[in-house]
């Protein structure tokens, strides 16, 4: 029987010079069946410096002979369906951070109501692997 828990590893890079935050996450178990790699790029919106843009990319790999494509399609559908929950969780965390930090803002600083806007996903991989499915 397969464990319900999926263990992941995240590598994060904060670059204060470019105002970017990059995360790369991948699963540590169930790799014989499927590997999912996700990359998120958080960056300042040039047109609206108080806004944050998010670009999320994912690659799903499977090497199971004869079943790789259906497994990848299942993984892709599952990844897409989990994005709503992931965005709600991210928005919840950001709202809490903003609420806790709001006493530290000066009266002349105004925060826009929709500060955090995700970008549409890209299909160009940034790794040397050739993706079989892209989000």
C-alpha atoms as a PDB file:
ATOM      1  CA  UNK A   1       0.000   0.000   0.000  1.00  0.00           C
ATOM      2  CA  UNK A   2       1.236   3.461  -0.898  1.00  0.00           C
ATOM      3  CA  UNK A   3       1.707   6.050   1.846  1.00  0.00           C
ATOM      4  CA  UNK A   4      -0.629   9.025   1.648  1.00  0.00           C
ATOM      5  CA  UNK A   5       2.099  11.444   2.729  1.00  0.00           C
ATOM      6  CA  UNK A   6       4.260  13.010   0.056  1.00  0.00           C
ATOM      7  CA  UNK A   7       7.541  14.386   1.305  1.00  0.00           C
ATOM      8  CA  UNK A   8       8.965  17.354  -0.562  1.00  0.00           C
ATOM      9  CA  UNK A   9      12.140  19.385  -0.596  1.00  0.00           C
ATOM     10  CA  UNK A  10      12.191  23.106  -1.312  1.00  0.00           C
ATOM     11  CA  UNK A  11      15.155  25.174  -2.396  1.00  0.00           C
ATOM     12  CA  UNK A  12      14.619  28.935  -2.005  1.00  0.00           C
ATOM     13  CA  UNK A  13      16.694  31.852  -3.265  1.00  0.00           C
ATOM     14  CA  UNK A  14      16.114  35.452  -2.197  1.00  0.00           C
ATOM     15  CA  UNK A  15      17.856  38.096  -4.297  1.00  0.00           C
ATOM     16  CA  UNK A  16      17.537  41.535  -2.666  1.00  0.00           C
ATOM     17  CA  UNK A  17      19.296  43.227  -5.603  1.00  0.00           C
ATOM     18  CA  UNK A  18      16.649  42.156  -8.131  1.00  0.00           C
ATOM     19  CA  UNK A  19      13.794  41.936  -5.598  1.00  0.00           C
ATOM     20  CA  UNK A  20      13.087  38.320  -6.555  1.00  0.00           C
ATOM     21  CA  UNK A  21      12.297  35.199  -4.580  1.00  0.00           C
ATOM     22  CA  UNK A  22      12.575  31.835  -6.353  1.00  0.00           C
ATOM     23  CA  UNK A  23      11.433  28.502  -4.967  1.00  0.00           C
ATOM     24  CA  UNK A  24      12.010  25.106  -6.511  1.00  0.00           C
ATOM     25  CA  UNK A  25      10.147  22.178  -4.964  1.00  0.00           C
ATOM     26  CA  UNK A  26      10.155  18.467  -5.789  1.00  0.00           C
ATOM     27  CA  UNK A  27       8.843  15.259  -4.265  1.00  0.00           C
ATOM     28  CA  UNK A  28      11.227  12.964  -2.388  1.00  0.00           C
ATOM     29  CA  UNK A  29       9.085   9.840  -2.340  1.00  0.00           C
ATOM     30  CA  UNK A  30       6.984   8.058  -4.991  1.00  0.00           C
ATOM     31  CA  UNK A  31       9.724   8.876  -7.530  1.00  0.00           C
ATOM     32  CA  UNK A  32       9.516   5.447  -9.126  1.00  0.00           C
ATOM     33  CA  UNK A  33       5.974   6.360 -10.160  1.00  0.00           C
ATOM     34  CA  UNK A  34       6.142  10.102 -10.787  1.00  0.00           C
ATOM     35  CA  UNK A  35       8.333  13.129 -10.091  1.00  0.00           C
ATOM     36  CA  UNK A  36       6.816  16.606  -9.859  1.00  0.00           C
ATOM     37  CA  UNK A  37       9.059  19.676  -9.967  1.00  0.00           C
ATOM     38  CA  UNK A  38       7.577  23.112  -9.303  1.00  0.00           C
ATOM     39  CA  UNK A  39       9.315  26.462  -9.713  1.00  0.00           C
ATOM     40  CA  UNK A  40       7.849  29.754  -8.485  1.00  0.00           C
ATOM     41  CA  UNK A  41       9.243  33.187  -9.260  1.00  0.00           C
ATOM     42  CA  UNK A  42       8.029  36.068  -7.114  1.00  0.00           C
ATOM     43  CA  UNK A  43       9.076  39.474  -8.388  1.00  0.00           C
ATOM     44  CA  UNK A  44       8.198  43.128  -8.145  1.00  0.00           C
ATOM     45  CA  UNK A  45       5.781  44.421 -10.778  1.00  0.00           C
ATOM     46  CA  UNK A  46       7.716  47.103 -12.686  1.00  0.00           C
ATOM     47  CA  UNK A  47       4.568  49.114 -13.506  1.00  0.00           C
ATOM     48  CA  UNK A  48       3.265  48.869  -9.923  1.00  0.00           C
ATOM     49  CA  UNK A  49       6.240  48.546  -7.548  1.00  0.00           C
ATOM     50  CA  UNK A  50       4.057  47.806  -4.522  1.00  0.00           C
ATOM     51  CA  UNK A  51       2.641  44.705  -6.278  1.00  0.00           C
ATOM     52  CA  UNK A  52       4.157  41.234  -6.445  1.00  0.00           C
ATOM     53  CA  UNK A  53       3.937  39.029  -9.548  1.00  0.00           C
ATOM     54  CA  UNK A  54       4.054  35.247  -9.319  1.00  0.00           C
ATOM     55  CA  UNK A  55       5.052  32.924 -12.148  1.00  0.00           C
ATOM     56  CA  UNK A  56       4.483  29.248 -11.363  1.00  0.00           C
ATOM     57  CA  UNK A  57       5.877  26.451 -13.561  1.00  0.00           C
ATOM     58  CA  UNK A  58       5.709  22.686 -13.102  1.00  0.00           C
ATOM     59  CA  UNK A  59       7.123  19.608 -14.784  1.00  0.00           C
ATOM     60  CA  UNK A  60       5.736  16.107 -14.323  1.00  0.00           C
ATOM     61  CA  UNK A  61       7.924  13.103 -15.171  1.00  0.00           C
ATOM     62  CA  UNK A  62       7.217   9.374 -15.195  1.00  0.00           C
ATOM     63  CA  UNK A  63       9.318   6.525 -16.517  1.00  0.00           C
ATOM     64  CA  UNK A  64       6.828   3.711 -15.923  1.00  0.00           C
ATOM     65  CA  UNK A  65       6.961   1.672 -19.118  1.00  0.00           C
ATOM     66  CA  UNK A  66       3.631   1.722 -20.957  1.00  0.00           C
ATOM     67  CA  UNK A  67       1.936   3.953 -18.373  1.00  0.00           C
ATOM     68  CA  UNK A  68       4.106   7.074 -18.369  1.00  0.00           C
ATOM     69  CA  UNK A  69       1.703   9.239 -20.365  1.00  0.00           C
ATOM     70  CA  UNK A  70      -1.462   8.431 -18.341  1.00  0.00           C
ATOM     71  CA  UNK A  71       0.498   8.882 -15.106  1.00  0.00           C
ATOM     72  CA  UNK A  72       1.795  12.277 -16.287  1.00  0.00           C
ATOM     73  CA  UNK A  73      -1.696  13.345 -17.366  1.00  0.00           C
ATOM     74  CA  UNK A  74      -3.068  12.295 -13.969  1.00  0.00           C
ATOM     75  CA  UNK A  75      -0.268  14.230 -12.240  1.00  0.00           C
ATOM     76  CA  UNK A  76      -0.931  17.301 -14.373  1.00  0.00           C
ATOM     77  CA  UNK A  77      -4.678  17.233 -13.681  1.00  0.00           C
ATOM     78  CA  UNK A  78      -4.014  16.767  -9.972  1.00  0.00           C
ATOM     79  CA  UNK A  79      -1.482  19.613  -9.939  1.00  0.00           C
ATOM     80  CA  UNK A  80      -3.930  21.960 -11.679  1.00  0.00           C
ATOM     81  CA  UNK A  81      -6.778  21.054  -9.318  1.00  0.00           C
ATOM     82  CA  UNK A  82      -4.558  21.737  -6.297  1.00  0.00           C
ATOM     83  CA  UNK A  83      -3.615  25.229  -7.503  1.00  0.00           C
ATOM     84  CA  UNK A  84      -6.798  26.815  -6.150  1.00  0.00           C
ATOM     85  CA  UNK A  85      -6.008  25.502  -2.666  1.00  0.00           C
ATOM     86  CA  UNK A  86      -2.370  26.525  -3.005  1.00  0.00           C
ATOM     87  CA  UNK A  87      -3.299  30.094  -3.983  1.00  0.00           C
ATOM     88  CA  UNK A  88      -5.799  30.358  -1.112  1.00  0.00           C
ATOM     89  CA  UNK A  89      -3.086  29.212   1.300  1.00  0.00           C
ATOM     90  CA  UNK A  90      -0.589  31.695  -0.108  1.00  0.00           C
ATOM     91  CA  UNK A  91      -3.111  34.553   0.049  1.00  0.00           C
ATOM     92  CA  UNK A  92      -3.983  33.600   3.646  1.00  0.00           C
ATOM     93  CA  UNK A  93      -0.307  33.643   4.667  1.00  0.00           C
ATOM     94  CA  UNK A  94       0.346  36.954   2.893  1.00  0.00           C
ATOM     95  CA  UNK A  95      -2.732  38.544   4.453  1.00  0.00           C
ATOM     96  CA  UNK A  96      -1.563  37.480   7.911  1.00  0.00           C
ATOM     97  CA  UNK A  97       1.892  38.890   7.261  1.00  0.00           C
ATOM     98  CA  UNK A  98       0.407  42.170   5.988  1.00  0.00           C
ATOM     99  CA  UNK A  99      -1.959  42.386   8.967  1.00  0.00           C
ATOM    100  CA  UNK A 100       0.871  41.816  11.433  1.00  0.00           C
ATOM    101  CA  UNK A 101       3.154  44.262   9.588  1.00  0.00           C
ATOM    102  CA  UNK A 102       0.544  46.988   8.992  1.00  0.00           C
ATOM    103  CA  UNK A 103       1.328  48.930  12.222  1.00  0.00           C
ATOM    104  CA  UNK A 104       4.843  49.362  10.832  1.00  0.00           C
ATOM    105  CA  UNK A 105       3.635  51.260   7.749  1.00  0.00           C
ATOM    106  CA  UNK A 106       3.584  55.033   7.783  1.00  0.00           C
ATOM    107  CA  UNK A 107       0.372  56.969   7.195  1.00  0.00           C
ATOM    108  CA  UNK A 108       1.598  58.182   3.797  1.00  0.00           C
ATOM    109  CA  UNK A 109       2.137  54.616   2.513  1.00  0.00           C
ATOM    110  CA  UNK A 110      -0.873  53.085   0.870  1.00  0.00           C
ATOM    111  CA  UNK A 111      -1.197  49.380   0.105  1.00  0.00           C
ATOM    112  CA  UNK A 112      -3.273  48.376  -2.938  1.00  0.00           C
ATOM    113  CA  UNK A 113      -6.070  45.866  -2.209  1.00  0.00           C
ATOM    114  CA  UNK A 114      -4.860  43.331  -4.823  1.00  0.00           C
ATOM    115  CA  UNK A 115      -1.167  43.476  -4.039  1.00  0.00           C
ATOM    116  CA  UNK A 116      -0.400  39.862  -4.972  1.00  0.00           C
ATOM    117  CA  UNK A 117      -1.330  38.846  -8.539  1.00  0.00           C
ATOM    118  CA  UNK A 118      -0.180  35.547 -10.110  1.00  0.00           C
ATOM    119  CA  UNK A 119       1.189  35.481 -13.648  1.00  0.00           C
ATOM    120  CA  UNK A 120      -0.016  32.872 -16.126  1.00  0.00           C
ATOM    121  CA  UNK A 121       2.165  29.751 -16.132  1.00  0.00           C
ATOM    122  CA  UNK A 122       4.987  29.472 -18.640  1.00  0.00           C
ATOM    123  CA  UNK A 123       5.725  26.394 -20.697  1.00  0.00           C
ATOM    124  CA  UNK A 124       9.448  26.996 -21.125  1.00  0.00           C
ATOM    125  CA  UNK A 125      11.459  24.821 -18.736  1.00  0.00           C
ATOM    126  CA  UNK A 126      14.483  26.279 -16.990  1.00  0.00           C
ATOM    127  CA  UNK A 127      16.169  22.964 -16.311  1.00  0.00           C
ATOM    128  CA  UNK A 128      18.226  20.747 -18.591  1.00  0.00           C
ATOM    129  CA  UNK A 129      15.508  18.053 -18.472  1.00  0.00           C
ATOM    130  CA  UNK A 130      13.068  17.829 -21.332  1.00  0.00           C
ATOM    131  CA  UNK A 131       9.619  18.073 -19.733  1.00  0.00           C
ATOM    132  CA  UNK A 132       6.939  15.649 -20.739  1.00  0.00           C
ATOM    133  CA  UNK A 133       4.111  17.762 -19.319  1.00  0.00           C
ATOM    134  CA  UNK A 134       4.172  21.467 -18.584  1.00  0.00           C
ATOM    135  CA  UNK A 135       1.793  23.624 -16.608  1.00  0.00           C
END
